[in-house]
Amino acid sequence: MATVVEHEQKLHVSPSIDERAIDHFAERRIGSAQPEPDPEHQALSGAMKVAREEAHALVNLANA
């Protein structure tokens, strides 16, 4: 069983690093037409997805 010290030494990825929070705001209404994707939000969402995936990979490597 892991001790408290061993548990605290392990790295974790914050759950706030999640592109779905950005995707929630990624569409904008233009008049009465269907929502259109906002290119700036899509770019930010893509960057957050890559950051999250890389953070998980680094944590897995560090905790191995």
C-alpha atoms as a PDB file:
ATOM      1  CA  MET A   1       0.000   0.000   0.000  1.00  0.00           C
ATOM      2  CA  ALA A   2       1.349   3.439  -0.940  1.00  0.00           C
ATOM      3  CA  THR A   3       2.122   5.866   1.813  1.00  0.00           C
ATOM      4  CA  VAL A   4       0.906   9.457   1.826  1.00  0.00           C
ATOM      5  CA  VAL A   5       4.399  10.675   0.908  1.00  0.00           C
ATOM      6  CA  GLU A   6       4.587   8.311  -2.081  1.00  0.00           C
ATOM      7  CA  HIS A   7       1.139   9.415  -3.233  1.00  0.00           C
ATOM      8  CA  GLU A   8       2.054  13.113  -2.953  1.00  0.00           C
ATOM      9  CA  GLN A   9       5.214  12.570  -5.009  1.00  0.00           C
ATOM     10  CA  LYS A  10       3.265  11.281  -8.006  1.00  0.00           C
ATOM     11  CA  LEU A  11       2.407  13.778 -10.704  1.00  0.00           C
ATOM     12  CA  HIS A  12      -1.197  14.396 -11.709  1.00  0.00           C
ATOM     13  CA  VAL A  13      -2.837  16.243 -14.595  1.00  0.00           C
ATOM     14  CA  SER A  14      -5.335  18.875 -13.549  1.00  0.00           C
ATOM     15  CA  PRO A  15      -8.877  18.051 -14.694  1.00  0.00           C
ATOM     16  CA  SER A  16      -9.232  21.687 -15.754  1.00  0.00           C
ATOM     17  CA  ILE A  17      -6.960  20.961 -18.746  1.00  0.00           C
ATOM     18  CA  ASP A  18      -9.803  19.867 -20.996  1.00  0.00           C
ATOM     19  CA  GLU A  19     -10.721  21.133 -24.437  1.00  0.00           C
ATOM     20  CA  ARG A  20     -14.414  20.403 -23.859  1.00  0.00           C
ATOM     21  CA  ALA A  21     -14.657  23.534 -21.708  1.00  0.00           C
ATOM     22  CA  ILE A  22     -13.556  25.567 -24.724  1.00  0.00           C
ATOM     23  CA  ASP A  23     -15.703  23.587 -27.169  1.00  0.00           C
ATOM     24  CA  HIS A  24     -18.753  24.719 -25.223  1.00  0.00           C
ATOM     25  CA  PHE A  25     -18.146  28.246 -26.555  1.00  0.00           C
ATOM     26  CA  ALA A  26     -16.800  27.261 -29.991  1.00  0.00           C
ATOM     27  CA  GLU A  27     -19.949  28.064 -31.982  1.00  0.00           C
ATOM     28  CA  ARG A  28     -21.514  31.442 -32.512  1.00  0.00           C
ATOM     29  CA  ARG A  29     -24.871  32.385 -33.921  1.00  0.00           C
ATOM     30  CA  ILE A  30     -24.921  34.655 -36.933  1.00  0.00           C
ATOM     31  CA  GLY A  31     -28.412  36.037 -37.368  1.00  0.00           C
ATOM     32  CA  SER A  32     -31.029  33.308 -37.543  1.00  0.00           C
ATOM     33  CA  ALA A  33     -28.715  30.902 -39.373  1.00  0.00           C
ATOM     34  CA  GLN A  34     -27.222  27.755 -37.930  1.00  0.00           C
ATOM     35  CA  PRO A  35     -24.296  28.198 -35.528  1.00  0.00           C
ATOM     36  CA  GLU A  36     -20.950  28.497 -37.264  1.00  0.00           C
ATOM     37  CA  PRO A  37     -17.661  27.340 -35.789  1.00  0.00           C
ATOM     38  CA  ASP A  38     -15.465  30.111 -34.433  1.00  0.00           C
ATOM     39  CA  PRO A  39     -11.961  29.542 -35.886  1.00  0.00           C
ATOM     40  CA  GLU A  40     -10.194  31.107 -32.880  1.00  0.00           C
ATOM     41  CA  HIS A  41     -12.013  28.853 -30.423  1.00  0.00           C
ATOM     42  CA  GLN A  42     -11.320  25.818 -32.602  1.00  0.00           C
ATOM     43  CA  ALA A  43      -7.594  26.616 -32.677  1.00  0.00           C
ATOM     44  CA  LEU A  44      -7.524  27.078 -28.899  1.00  0.00           C
ATOM     45  CA  SER A  45      -9.453  23.839 -28.396  1.00  0.00           C
ATOM     46  CA  GLY A  46      -6.973  21.954 -30.568  1.00  0.00           C
ATOM     47  CA  ALA A  47      -4.037  23.383 -28.640  1.00  0.00           C
ATOM     48  CA  MET A  48      -5.642  22.418 -25.316  1.00  0.00           C
ATOM     49  CA  LYS A  49      -6.232  18.874 -26.569  1.00  0.00           C
ATOM     50  CA  VAL A  50      -2.567  18.515 -27.533  1.00  0.00           C
ATOM     51  CA  ALA A  51      -1.473  20.003 -24.186  1.00  0.00           C
ATOM     52  CA  ARG A  52      -3.706  17.565 -22.268  1.00  0.00           C
ATOM     53  CA  GLU A  53      -2.438  14.561 -24.224  1.00  0.00           C
ATOM     54  CA  GLU A  54       1.198  15.605 -23.732  1.00  0.00           C
ATOM     55  CA  ALA A  55       0.629  16.243 -20.024  1.00  0.00           C
ATOM     56  CA  HIS A  56      -0.832  12.751 -19.589  1.00  0.00           C
ATOM     57  CA  ALA A  57       2.092  11.235 -21.499  1.00  0.00           C
ATOM     58  CA  LEU A  58       4.612  13.072 -19.297  1.00  0.00           C
ATOM     59  CA  VAL A  59       2.817  12.050 -16.101  1.00  0.00           C
ATOM     60  CA  ASN A  60       2.727   8.422 -17.224  1.00  0.00           C
ATOM     61  CA  LEU A  61       6.431   8.573 -18.040  1.00  0.00           C
ATOM     62  CA  ALA A  62       7.323  10.220 -14.717  1.00  0.00           C
ATOM     63  CA  ASN A  63       5.198   7.811 -12.678  1.00  0.00           C
ATOM     64  CA  ALA A  64       6.504   4.688 -14.448  1.00  0.00           C
END
